[in-house]
Amino acid sequence: MVVGEVIAEIGQIGLWLQALGIVIVLAIVFQIISFIYNRRRMKQIHQIRKDMRRIESKIDKLVKRK
């Protein structure tokens, strides 16, 4: 009976480790998705900044002419 209890406890530990592994994998997947999404947003922000600089330079040229 002692052997059966030990095997049952090892099985419980194995289930906890499996659940922990699933949580870790899900956390890693979430971080990857978040990184990709944030990278896309940063590219858009950089494009907007670039466009703003271009527009500002055009406005400055127009103001200098007048």
PDB file of N, CA and C in Angstrom:
ATOM      1  N   MET A   1       0.814  -1.191   0.000  1.00  0.00           N
ATOM      2  CA  MET A   1       0.000   0.000   0.000  1.00  0.00           C
ATOM      3  C   MET A   1       0.860   1.259   0.000  1.00  0.00           C
ATOM      4  N   VAL A   2       2.024   1.211   0.583  1.00  0.00           N
ATOM      5  CA  VAL A   2       2.894   2.378   0.630  1.00  0.00           C
ATOM      6  C   VAL A   2       3.354   2.732  -0.788  1.00  0.00           C
ATOM      7  N   VAL A   3       3.634   1.714  -1.587  1.00  0.00           N
ATOM      8  CA  VAL A   3       4.078   1.948  -2.949  1.00  0.00           C
ATOM      9  C   VAL A   3       2.966   2.616  -3.761  1.00  0.00           C
ATOM     10  N   GLY A   4       1.765   2.194  -3.562  1.00  0.00           N
ATOM     11  CA  GLY A   4       0.619   2.780  -4.275  1.00  0.00           C
ATOM     12  C   GLY A   4       0.422   4.242  -3.921  1.00  0.00           C
ATOM     13  N   GLU A   5       0.614   4.574  -2.658  1.00  0.00           N
ATOM     14  CA  GLU A   5       0.477   5.966  -2.225  1.00  0.00           C
ATOM     15  C   GLU A   5       1.581   6.830  -2.826  1.00  0.00           C
ATOM     16  N   VAL A   6       2.776   6.293  -2.880  1.00  0.00           N
ATOM     17  CA  VAL A   6       3.900   7.037  -3.452  1.00  0.00           C
ATOM     18  C   VAL A   6       3.642   7.297  -4.936  1.00  0.00           C
ATOM     19  N   ILE A   7       3.162   6.284  -5.626  1.00  0.00           N
ATOM     20  CA  ILE A   7       2.867   6.437  -7.053  1.00  0.00           C
ATOM     21  C   ILE A   7       1.750   7.460  -7.258  1.00  0.00           C
ATOM     22  N   ALA A   8       0.751   7.448  -6.390  1.00  0.00           N
ATOM     23  CA  ALA A   8      -0.341   8.417  -6.492  1.00  0.00           C
ATOM     24  C   ALA A   8       0.179   9.835  -6.261  1.00  0.00           C
ATOM     25  N   GLU A   9       1.058  10.013  -5.284  1.00  0.00           N
ATOM     26  CA  GLU A   9       1.639  11.336  -5.020  1.00  0.00           C
ATOM     27  C   GLU A   9       2.494  11.807  -6.193  1.00  0.00           C
ATOM     28  N   ILE A  10       3.252  10.920  -6.778  1.00  0.00           N
ATOM     29  CA  ILE A  10       4.069  11.273  -7.943  1.00  0.00           C
ATOM     30  C   ILE A  10       3.160  11.675  -9.102  1.00  0.00           C
ATOM     31  N   GLY A  11       2.045  10.975  -9.246  1.00  0.00           N
ATOM     32  CA  GLY A  11       1.078  11.322 -10.290  1.00  0.00           C
ATOM     33  C   GLY A  11       0.499  12.710 -10.077  1.00  0.00           C
ATOM     34  N   GLN A  12       0.186  13.042  -8.836  1.00  0.00           N
ATOM     35  CA  GLN A  12      -0.334  14.373  -8.512  1.00  0.00           C
ATOM     36  C   GLN A  12       0.700  15.450  -8.835  1.00  0.00           C
ATOM     37  N   ILE A  13       1.949  15.189  -8.482  1.00  0.00           N
ATOM     38  CA  ILE A  13       3.027  16.141  -8.778  1.00  0.00           C
ATOM     39  C   ILE A  13       3.165  16.319 -10.292  1.00  0.00           C
ATOM     40  N   GLY A  14       3.052  15.211 -11.010  1.00  0.00           N
ATOM     41  CA  GLY A  14       3.119  15.268 -12.476  1.00  0.00           C
ATOM     42  C   GLY A  14       1.999  16.107 -13.063  1.00  0.00           C
ATOM     43  N   LEU A  15       0.791  15.984 -12.511  1.00  0.00           N
ATOM     44  CA  LEU A  15      -0.333  16.787 -12.993  1.00  0.00           C
ATOM     45  C   LEU A  15      -0.116  18.272 -12.718  1.00  0.00           C
ATOM     46  N   TRP A  16       0.427  18.591 -11.547  1.00  0.00           N
ATOM     47  CA  TRP A  16       0.717  19.996 -11.208  1.00  0.00           C
ATOM     48  C   TRP A  16       1.775  20.559 -12.155  1.00  0.00           C
ATOM     49  N   LEU A  17       2.793  19.763 -12.436  1.00  0.00           N
ATOM     50  CA  LEU A  17       3.839  20.221 -13.354  1.00  0.00           C
ATOM     51  C   LEU A  17       3.285  20.422 -14.763  1.00  0.00           C
ATOM     52  N   GLN A  18       2.391  19.550 -15.171  1.00  0.00           N
ATOM     53  CA  GLN A  18       1.771  19.678 -16.487  1.00  0.00           C
ATOM     54  C   GLN A  18       0.932  20.959 -16.552  1.00  0.00           C
ATOM     55  N   ALA A  19       0.163  21.224 -15.522  1.00  0.00           N
ATOM     56  CA  ALA A  19      -0.646  22.446 -15.482  1.00  0.00           C
ATOM     57  C   ALA A  19       0.248  23.681 -15.483  1.00  0.00           C
ATOM     58  N   LEU A  20       1.323  23.639 -14.735  1.00  0.00           N
ATOM     59  CA  LEU A  20       2.265  24.751 -14.699  1.00  0.00           C
ATOM     60  C   LEU A  20       2.897  24.965 -16.075  1.00  0.00           C
ATOM     61  N   GLY A  21       3.222  23.909 -16.756  1.00  0.00           N
ATOM     62  CA  GLY A  21       3.785  24.002 -18.099  1.00  0.00           C
ATOM     63  C   GLY A  21       2.818  24.644 -19.077  1.00  0.00           C
ATOM     64  N   ILE A  22       1.554  24.285 -18.972  1.00  0.00           N
ATOM     65  CA  ILE A  22       0.539  24.878 -19.853  1.00  0.00           C
ATOM     66  C   ILE A  22       0.423  26.371 -19.595  1.00  0.00           C
ATOM     67  N   VAL A  23       0.448  26.764 -18.329  1.00  0.00           N
ATOM     68  CA  VAL A  23       0.366  28.183 -17.983  1.00  0.00           C
ATOM     69  C   VAL A  23       1.578  28.931 -18.537  1.00  0.00           C
ATOM     70  N   ILE A  24       2.747  28.357 -18.411  1.00  0.00           N
ATOM     71  CA  ILE A  24       3.969  29.002 -18.917  1.00  0.00           C
ATOM     72  C   ILE A  24       3.915  29.132 -20.433  1.00  0.00           C
ATOM     73  N   VAL A  25       3.487  28.093 -21.120  1.00  0.00           N
ATOM     74  CA  VAL A  25       3.383  28.142 -22.582  1.00  0.00           C
ATOM     75  C   VAL A  25       2.374  29.211 -23.004  1.00  0.00           C
ATOM     76  N   LEU A  26       1.240  29.279 -22.337  1.00  0.00           N
ATOM     77  CA  LEU A  26       0.243  30.302 -22.660  1.00  0.00           C
ATOM     78  C   LEU A  26       0.789  31.700 -22.412  1.00  0.00           C
ATOM     79  N   ALA A  27       1.541  31.887 -21.334  1.00  0.00           N
ATOM     80  CA  ALA A  27       2.133  33.189 -21.044  1.00  0.00           C
ATOM     81  C   ALA A  27       3.136  33.586 -22.130  1.00  0.00           C
ATOM     82  N   ILE A  28       3.928  32.637 -22.587  1.00  0.00           N
ATOM     83  CA  ILE A  28       4.904  32.916 -23.649  1.00  0.00           C
ATOM     84  C   ILE A  28       4.181  33.279 -24.943  1.00  0.00           C
ATOM     85  N   VAL A  29       3.134  32.546 -25.283  1.00  0.00           N
ATOM     86  CA  VAL A  29       2.365  32.845 -26.497  1.00  0.00           C
ATOM     87  C   VAL A  29       1.754  34.241 -26.394  1.00  0.00           C
ATOM     88  N   PHE A  30       1.214  34.583 -25.241  1.00  0.00           N
ATOM     89  CA  PHE A  30       0.623  35.901 -25.045  1.00  0.00           C
ATOM     90  C   PHE A  30       1.681  36.993 -25.208  1.00  0.00           C
ATOM     91  N   GLN A  31       2.875  36.782 -24.673  1.00  0.00           N
ATOM     92  CA  GLN A  31       3.951  37.769 -24.798  1.00  0.00           C
ATOM     93  C   GLN A  31       4.368  37.948 -26.256  1.00  0.00           C
ATOM     94  N   ILE A  32       4.429  36.868 -27.003  1.00  0.00           N
ATOM     95  CA  ILE A  32       4.801  36.954 -28.417  1.00  0.00           C
ATOM     96  C   ILE A  32       3.752  37.744 -29.190  1.00  0.00           C
ATOM     97  N   ILE A  33       2.488  37.455 -28.958  1.00  0.00           N
ATOM     98  CA  ILE A  33       1.411  38.177 -29.641  1.00  0.00           C
ATOM     99  C   ILE A  33       1.449  39.656 -29.261  1.00  0.00           C
ATOM    100  N   SER A  34       1.656  39.938 -28.000  1.00  0.00           N
ATOM    101  CA  SER A  34       1.747  41.319 -27.533  1.00  0.00           C
ATOM    102  C   SER A  34       2.915  42.040 -28.180  1.00  0.00           C
ATOM    103  N   PHE A  35       4.057  41.375 -28.284  1.00  0.00           N
ATOM    104  CA  PHE A  35       5.235  41.979 -28.908  1.00  0.00           C
ATOM    105  C   PHE A  35       4.966  42.318 -30.370  1.00  0.00           C
ATOM    106  N   ILE A  36       4.346  41.400 -31.099  1.00  0.00           N
ATOM    107  CA  ILE A  36       4.048  41.633 -32.518  1.00  0.00           C
ATOM    108  C   ILE A  36       3.076  42.795 -32.669  1.00  0.00           C
ATOM    109  N   TYR A  37       2.046  42.821 -31.844  1.00  0.00           N
ATOM    110  CA  TYR A  37       1.046  43.889 -31.918  1.00  0.00           C
ATOM    111  C   TYR A  37       1.679  45.244 -31.600  1.00  0.00           C
ATOM    112  N   ASN A  38       2.487  45.297 -30.549  1.00  0.00           N
ATOM    113  CA  ASN A  38       3.136  46.551 -30.168  1.00  0.00           C
ATOM    114  C   ASN A  38       4.130  47.004 -31.227  1.00  0.00           C
ATOM    115  N   ARG A  39       4.791  46.084 -31.872  1.00  0.00           N
ATOM    116  CA  ARG A  39       5.740  46.441 -32.929  1.00  0.00           C
ATOM    117  C   ARG A  39       5.005  47.085 -34.107  1.00  0.00           C
ATOM    118  N   ARG A  40       3.868  46.549 -34.469  1.00  0.00           N
ATOM    119  CA  ARG A  40       3.073  47.139 -35.546  1.00  0.00           C
ATOM    120  C   ARG A  40       2.632  48.554 -35.174  1.00  0.00           C
ATOM    121  N   ARG A  41       2.200  48.716 -33.937  1.00  0.00           N
ATOM    122  CA  ARG A  41       1.768  50.043 -33.491  1.00  0.00           C
ATOM    123  C   ARG A  41       2.924  51.032 -33.504  1.00  0.00           C
ATOM    124  N   MET A  42       4.105  50.595 -33.098  1.00  0.00           N
ATOM    125  CA  MET A  42       5.264  51.484 -33.101  1.00  0.00           C
ATOM    126  C   MET A  42       5.637  51.874 -34.532  1.00  0.00           C
ATOM    127  N   LYS A  43       5.512  50.962 -35.476  1.00  0.00           N
ATOM    128  CA  LYS A  43       5.777  51.298 -36.878  1.00  0.00           C
ATOM    129  C   LYS A  43       4.806  52.376 -37.353  1.00  0.00           C
ATOM    130  N   GLN A  44       3.542  52.253 -36.969  1.00  0.00           N
ATOM    131  CA  GLN A  44       2.559  53.254 -37.347  1.00  0.00           C
ATOM    132  C   GLN A  44       2.882  54.604 -36.718  1.00  0.00           C
ATOM    133  N   ILE A  45       3.297  54.595 -35.472  1.00  0.00           N
ATOM    134  CA  ILE A  45       3.653  55.846 -34.798  1.00  0.00           C
ATOM    135  C   ILE A  45       4.845  56.493 -35.468  1.00  0.00           C
ATOM    136  N   HIS A  46       5.844  55.715 -35.827  1.00  0.00           N
ATOM    137  CA  HIS A  46       7.008  56.260 -36.516  1.00  0.00           C
ATOM    138  C   HIS A  46       6.618  56.840 -37.880  1.00  0.00           C
ATOM    139  N   GLN A  47       5.708  56.191 -38.569  1.00  0.00           N
ATOM    140  CA  GLN A  47       5.245  56.707 -39.860  1.00  0.00           C
ATOM    141  C   GLN A  47       4.520  58.033 -39.667  1.00  0.00           C
ATOM    142  N   ILE A  48       3.697  58.127 -38.630  1.00  0.00           N
ATOM    143  CA  ILE A  48       2.976  59.374 -38.352  1.00  0.00           C
ATOM    144  C   ILE A  48       3.970  60.490 -38.030  1.00  0.00           C
ATOM    145  N   ARG A  49       4.992  60.193 -37.229  1.00  0.00           N
ATOM    146  CA  ARG A  49       6.016  61.193 -36.920  1.00  0.00           C
ATOM    147  C   ARG A  49       6.727  61.665 -38.185  1.00  0.00           C
ATOM    148  N   LYS A  50       7.051  60.739 -39.046  1.00  0.00           N
ATOM    149  CA  LYS A  50       7.730  61.064 -40.304  1.00  0.00           C
ATOM    150  C   LYS A  50       6.846  61.984 -41.152  1.00  0.00           C
ATOM    151  N   ASP A  51       5.566  61.646 -41.236  1.00  0.00           N
ATOM    152  CA  ASP A  51       4.631  62.473 -42.002  1.00  0.00           C
ATOM    153  C   ASP A  51       4.499  63.860 -41.383  1.00  0.00           C
ATOM    154  N   MET A  52       4.459  63.924 -40.057  1.00  0.00           N
ATOM    155  CA  MET A  52       4.345  65.225 -39.387  1.00  0.00           C
ATOM    156  C   MET A  52       5.561  66.097 -39.671  1.00  0.00           C
ATOM    157  N   ARG A  53       6.749  65.518 -39.637  1.00  0.00           N
ATOM    158  CA  ARG A  53       7.959  66.283 -39.939  1.00  0.00           C
ATOM    159  C   ARG A  53       7.920  66.809 -41.370  1.00  0.00           C
ATOM    160  N   ARG A  54       7.476  65.983 -42.279  1.00  0.00           N
ATOM    161  CA  ARG A  54       7.377  66.386 -43.685  1.00  0.00           C
ATOM    162  C   ARG A  54       6.389  67.534 -43.841  1.00  0.00           C
ATOM    163  N   ILE A  55       5.243  67.426 -43.202  1.00  0.00           N
ATOM    164  CA  ILE A  55       4.228  68.482 -43.282  1.00  0.00           C
ATOM    165  C   ILE A  55       4.733  69.756 -42.626  1.00  0.00           C
ATOM    166  N   GLU A  56       5.403  69.633 -41.482  1.00  0.00           N
ATOM    167  CA  GLU A  56       5.947  70.815 -40.806  1.00  0.00           C
ATOM    168  C   GLU A  56       6.977  71.526 -41.674  1.00  0.00           C
ATOM    169  N   SER A  57       7.809  70.751 -42.345  1.00  0.00           N
ATOM    170  CA  SER A  57       8.806  71.385 -43.202  1.00  0.00           C
ATOM    171  C   SER A  57       8.139  72.108 -44.367  1.00  0.00           C
ATOM    172  N   LYS A  58       7.080  71.557 -44.917  1.00  0.00           N
ATOM    173  CA  LYS A  58       6.354  72.226 -46.001  1.00  0.00           C
ATOM    174  C   LYS A  58       5.699  73.512 -45.496  1.00  0.00           C
ATOM    175  N   ILE A  59       5.138  73.458 -44.304  1.00  0.00           N
ATOM    176  CA  ILE A  59       4.516  74.653 -43.720  1.00  0.00           C
ATOM    177  C   ILE A  59       5.579  75.724 -43.476  1.00  0.00           C
ATOM    178  N   ASP A  60       6.717  75.325 -42.970  1.00  0.00           N
ATOM    179  CA  ASP A  60       7.803  76.277 -42.737  1.00  0.00           C
ATOM    180  C   ASP A  60       8.249  76.934 -44.038  1.00  0.00           C
ATOM    181  N   LYS A  61       8.350  76.178 -45.104  1.00  0.00           N
ATOM    182  CA  LYS A  61       8.735  76.737 -46.397  1.00  0.00           C
ATOM    183  C   LYS A  61       7.702  77.737 -46.892  1.00  0.00           C
ATOM    184  N   LEU A  62       6.423  77.424 -46.704  1.00  0.00           N
ATOM    185  CA  LEU A  62       5.364  78.337 -47.120  1.00  0.00           C
ATOM    186  C   LEU A  62       5.379  79.633 -46.304  1.00  0.00           C
ATOM    187  N   VAL A  63       5.634  79.514 -45.023  1.00  0.00           N
ATOM    188  CA  VAL A  63       5.674  80.680 -44.156  1.00  0.00           C
ATOM    189  C   VAL A  63       6.867  81.577 -44.524  1.00  0.00           C
ATOM    190  N   LYS A  64       7.990  80.983 -44.839  1.00  0.00           N
ATOM    191  CA  LYS A  64       9.178  81.748 -45.209  1.00  0.00           C
ATOM    192  C   LYS A  64       8.975  82.494 -46.527  1.00  0.00           C
ATOM    193  N   ARG A  65       8.206  81.951 -47.432  1.00  0.00           N
ATOM    194  CA  ARG A  65       7.943  82.591 -48.714  1.00  0.00           C
ATOM    195  C   ARG A  65       7.100  83.848 -48.551  1.00  0.00           C
ATOM    196  N   LYS A  66       6.221  83.837 -47.613  1.00  0.00           N
ATOM    197  CA  LYS A  66       5.308  84.975 -47.425  1.00  0.00           C
ATOM    198  C   LYS A  66       5.924  85.911 -46.467  1.00  0.00           C
TER     199      LYS A  66
END
